[in-house]
Amino acid sequence: MAVPKKRTSKQRQRKRRTHYKAQAVPTHTCSRCGDPKQPHRVCPGCGYYRNESVLQIDLD
């Protein structure tokens, strides 16, 4: 049975894992207000999703 002879150091582990990175969150502009928003989510600026009002946003 294959067993490593020596423990893998923290530095070696981290070098191997350098490519595991979080992806940047994609953003699009809202068609109603033009604010940036995530796709398939309610717009935080106007509260609309697919031209339907989902949230009541107070502009005060």
N, C-alpha and C. Protein backbone atom coordinates (compact mmCIF):
# COMPACT_ATOMS: atom_id res chain seq x y z
N MET A 1 0.85 -1.19 0.00
CA MET A 1 0.00 0.00 0.00
C MET A 1 0.89 1.25 0.00
N ALA A 2 0.58 2.20 -0.85
CA ALA A 2 1.42 3.39 -0.97
C ALA A 2 1.12 4.38 0.15
N VAL A 3 2.17 4.70 0.89
CA VAL A 3 2.07 5.65 2.00
C VAL A 3 3.21 6.64 1.85
N PRO A 4 2.94 7.96 1.98
CA PRO A 4 4.03 8.92 1.86
C PRO A 4 5.07 8.73 2.95
N LYS A 5 6.35 8.87 2.60
CA LYS A 5 7.43 8.69 3.59
C LYS A 5 7.52 9.87 4.54
N LYS A 6 7.27 11.07 4.02
CA LYS A 6 7.36 12.26 4.85
C LYS A 6 6.09 13.09 4.71
N ARG A 7 5.83 13.85 5.74
CA ARG A 7 4.65 14.71 5.74
C ARG A 7 4.82 15.82 4.72
N THR A 8 3.73 16.20 4.02
CA THR A 8 3.77 17.30 3.07
C THR A 8 3.78 18.62 3.84
N SER A 9 4.76 19.46 3.56
CA SER A 9 4.89 20.72 4.28
C SER A 9 3.77 21.68 3.89
N LYS A 10 3.55 22.69 4.73
CA LYS A 10 2.51 23.69 4.46
C LYS A 10 2.83 24.47 3.19
N GLN A 11 4.11 24.76 3.00
CA GLN A 11 4.51 25.51 1.81
C GLN A 11 4.22 24.72 0.54
N ARG A 12 4.52 23.45 0.56
CA ARG A 12 4.28 22.61 -0.63
C ARG A 12 2.78 22.48 -0.89
N GLN A 13 2.00 22.32 0.16
CA GLN A 13 0.54 22.25 0.01
C GLN A 13 0.01 23.53 -0.62
N ARG A 14 0.46 24.65 -0.11
CA ARG A 14 -0.04 25.94 -0.58
C ARG A 14 0.38 26.22 -2.02
N LYS A 15 1.58 25.78 -2.38
CA LYS A 15 2.02 25.95 -3.77
C LYS A 15 1.11 25.18 -4.72
N ARG A 16 0.70 24.02 -4.30
CA ARG A 16 -0.14 23.18 -5.14
C ARG A 16 -1.54 23.77 -5.28
N ARG A 17 -1.99 24.46 -4.26
CA ARG A 17 -3.36 24.98 -4.24
C ARG A 17 -3.47 26.42 -4.71
N THR A 18 -2.45 26.96 -5.36
CA THR A 18 -2.50 28.36 -5.77
C THR A 18 -3.55 28.63 -6.83
N HIS A 19 -3.97 27.61 -7.56
CA HIS A 19 -4.92 27.81 -8.65
C HIS A 19 -6.37 27.70 -8.20
N TYR A 20 -6.62 27.34 -6.94
CA TYR A 20 -7.99 27.26 -6.43
C TYR A 20 -8.39 28.65 -5.95
N LYS A 21 -9.02 29.41 -6.82
CA LYS A 21 -9.37 30.78 -6.49
C LYS A 21 -10.87 30.98 -6.66
N ALA A 22 -11.40 31.92 -5.93
CA ALA A 22 -12.81 32.27 -6.07
C ALA A 22 -13.00 33.05 -7.37
N GLN A 23 -14.06 32.75 -8.08
CA GLN A 23 -14.36 33.44 -9.33
C GLN A 23 -14.96 34.81 -9.04
N ALA A 24 -14.72 35.76 -9.90
CA ALA A 24 -15.31 37.08 -9.76
C ALA A 24 -16.81 36.99 -10.03
N VAL A 25 -17.59 37.74 -9.27
CA VAL A 25 -19.04 37.72 -9.41
C VAL A 25 -19.42 38.48 -10.67
N PRO A 26 -20.15 37.85 -11.61
CA PRO A 26 -20.54 38.57 -12.83
C PRO A 26 -21.64 39.59 -12.53
N THR A 27 -21.57 40.72 -13.19
CA THR A 27 -22.60 41.75 -13.01
C THR A 27 -23.09 42.21 -14.38
N HIS A 28 -24.34 42.60 -14.41
CA HIS A 28 -24.97 43.16 -15.60
C HIS A 28 -25.63 44.46 -15.17
N THR A 29 -26.03 45.25 -16.13
CA THR A 29 -26.75 46.47 -15.80
C THR A 29 -28.25 46.19 -15.84
N CYS A 30 -28.95 46.77 -14.91
CA CYS A 30 -30.41 46.62 -14.84
C CYS A 30 -31.04 47.34 -16.04
N SER A 31 -32.02 46.71 -16.65
CA SER A 31 -32.65 47.32 -17.83
C SER A 31 -33.57 48.49 -17.44
N ARG A 32 -34.03 48.54 -16.20
CA ARG A 32 -34.91 49.62 -15.76
C ARG A 32 -34.13 50.84 -15.28
N CYS A 33 -33.19 50.61 -14.32
CA CYS A 33 -32.53 51.76 -13.68
C CYS A 33 -31.07 51.91 -14.09
N GLY A 34 -30.45 50.88 -14.66
CA GLY A 34 -29.06 50.97 -15.09
C GLY A 34 -28.04 50.68 -14.01
N ASP A 35 -28.49 50.32 -12.81
CA ASP A 35 -27.56 49.96 -11.74
C ASP A 35 -26.96 48.58 -12.00
N PRO A 36 -25.74 48.33 -11.51
CA PRO A 36 -25.18 46.98 -11.67
C PRO A 36 -25.90 45.99 -10.76
N LYS A 37 -26.14 44.78 -11.28
CA LYS A 37 -26.80 43.74 -10.50
C LYS A 37 -26.32 42.39 -10.97
N GLN A 38 -26.51 41.37 -10.15
CA GLN A 38 -26.16 40.01 -10.54
C GLN A 38 -27.25 39.46 -11.45
N PRO A 39 -26.87 38.61 -12.41
CA PRO A 39 -27.89 38.04 -13.29
C PRO A 39 -28.82 37.11 -12.53
N HIS A 40 -30.07 37.08 -12.92
CA HIS A 40 -31.12 36.24 -12.32
C HIS A 40 -31.38 36.57 -10.86
N ARG A 41 -31.19 37.83 -10.49
CA ARG A 41 -31.45 38.28 -9.12
C ARG A 41 -32.29 39.55 -9.18
N VAL A 42 -32.93 39.88 -8.09
CA VAL A 42 -33.70 41.13 -7.99
C VAL A 42 -32.71 42.29 -7.96
N CYS A 43 -33.02 43.35 -8.66
CA CYS A 43 -32.15 44.53 -8.69
C CYS A 43 -32.20 45.22 -7.34
N PRO A 44 -31.04 45.46 -6.70
CA PRO A 44 -31.07 46.14 -5.41
C PRO A 44 -31.41 47.62 -5.53
N GLY A 45 -31.30 48.19 -6.72
CA GLY A 45 -31.58 49.62 -6.90
C GLY A 45 -33.05 49.93 -7.04
N CYS A 46 -33.77 49.13 -7.84
CA CYS A 46 -35.18 49.45 -8.08
C CYS A 46 -36.13 48.37 -7.56
N GLY A 47 -35.65 47.18 -7.25
CA GLY A 47 -36.49 46.13 -6.69
C GLY A 47 -37.29 45.35 -7.72
N TYR A 48 -36.89 45.42 -8.99
CA TYR A 48 -37.61 44.72 -10.05
C TYR A 48 -36.85 43.48 -10.50
N TYR A 49 -37.59 42.46 -10.91
CA TYR A 49 -37.03 41.27 -11.54
C TYR A 49 -37.93 40.89 -12.69
N ARG A 50 -37.38 40.85 -13.89
CA ARG A 50 -38.14 40.54 -15.12
C ARG A 50 -39.35 41.45 -15.28
N ASN A 51 -39.15 42.72 -15.12
CA ASN A 51 -40.17 43.76 -15.28
C ASN A 51 -41.35 43.58 -14.35
N GLU A 52 -41.15 42.94 -13.20
CA GLU A 52 -42.18 42.82 -12.18
C GLU A 52 -41.62 43.35 -10.86
N SER A 53 -42.41 44.13 -10.15
CA SER A 53 -41.98 44.67 -8.87
C SER A 53 -42.00 43.55 -7.82
N VAL A 54 -40.85 43.30 -7.23
CA VAL A 54 -40.74 42.22 -6.25
C VAL A 54 -40.50 42.79 -4.86
N LEU A 55 -39.70 43.86 -4.78
CA LEU A 55 -39.39 44.50 -3.50
C LEU A 55 -39.82 45.95 -3.54
N GLN A 56 -40.24 46.45 -2.38
CA GLN A 56 -40.54 47.87 -2.25
C GLN A 56 -39.28 48.55 -1.73
N ILE A 57 -38.66 49.39 -2.55
CA ILE A 57 -37.44 50.08 -2.20
C ILE A 57 -37.79 51.53 -1.83
N ASP A 58 -37.40 51.96 -0.62
CA ASP A 58 -37.58 53.35 -0.22
C ASP A 58 -36.38 54.14 -0.68
N LEU A 59 -36.62 55.23 -1.39
CA LEU A 59 -35.54 56.06 -1.92
C LEU A 59 -35.19 57.19 -0.98
N ASP A 60 -35.71 57.19 0.23
CA ASP A 60 -35.42 58.28 1.19
C ASP A 60 -34.07 58.13 1.79
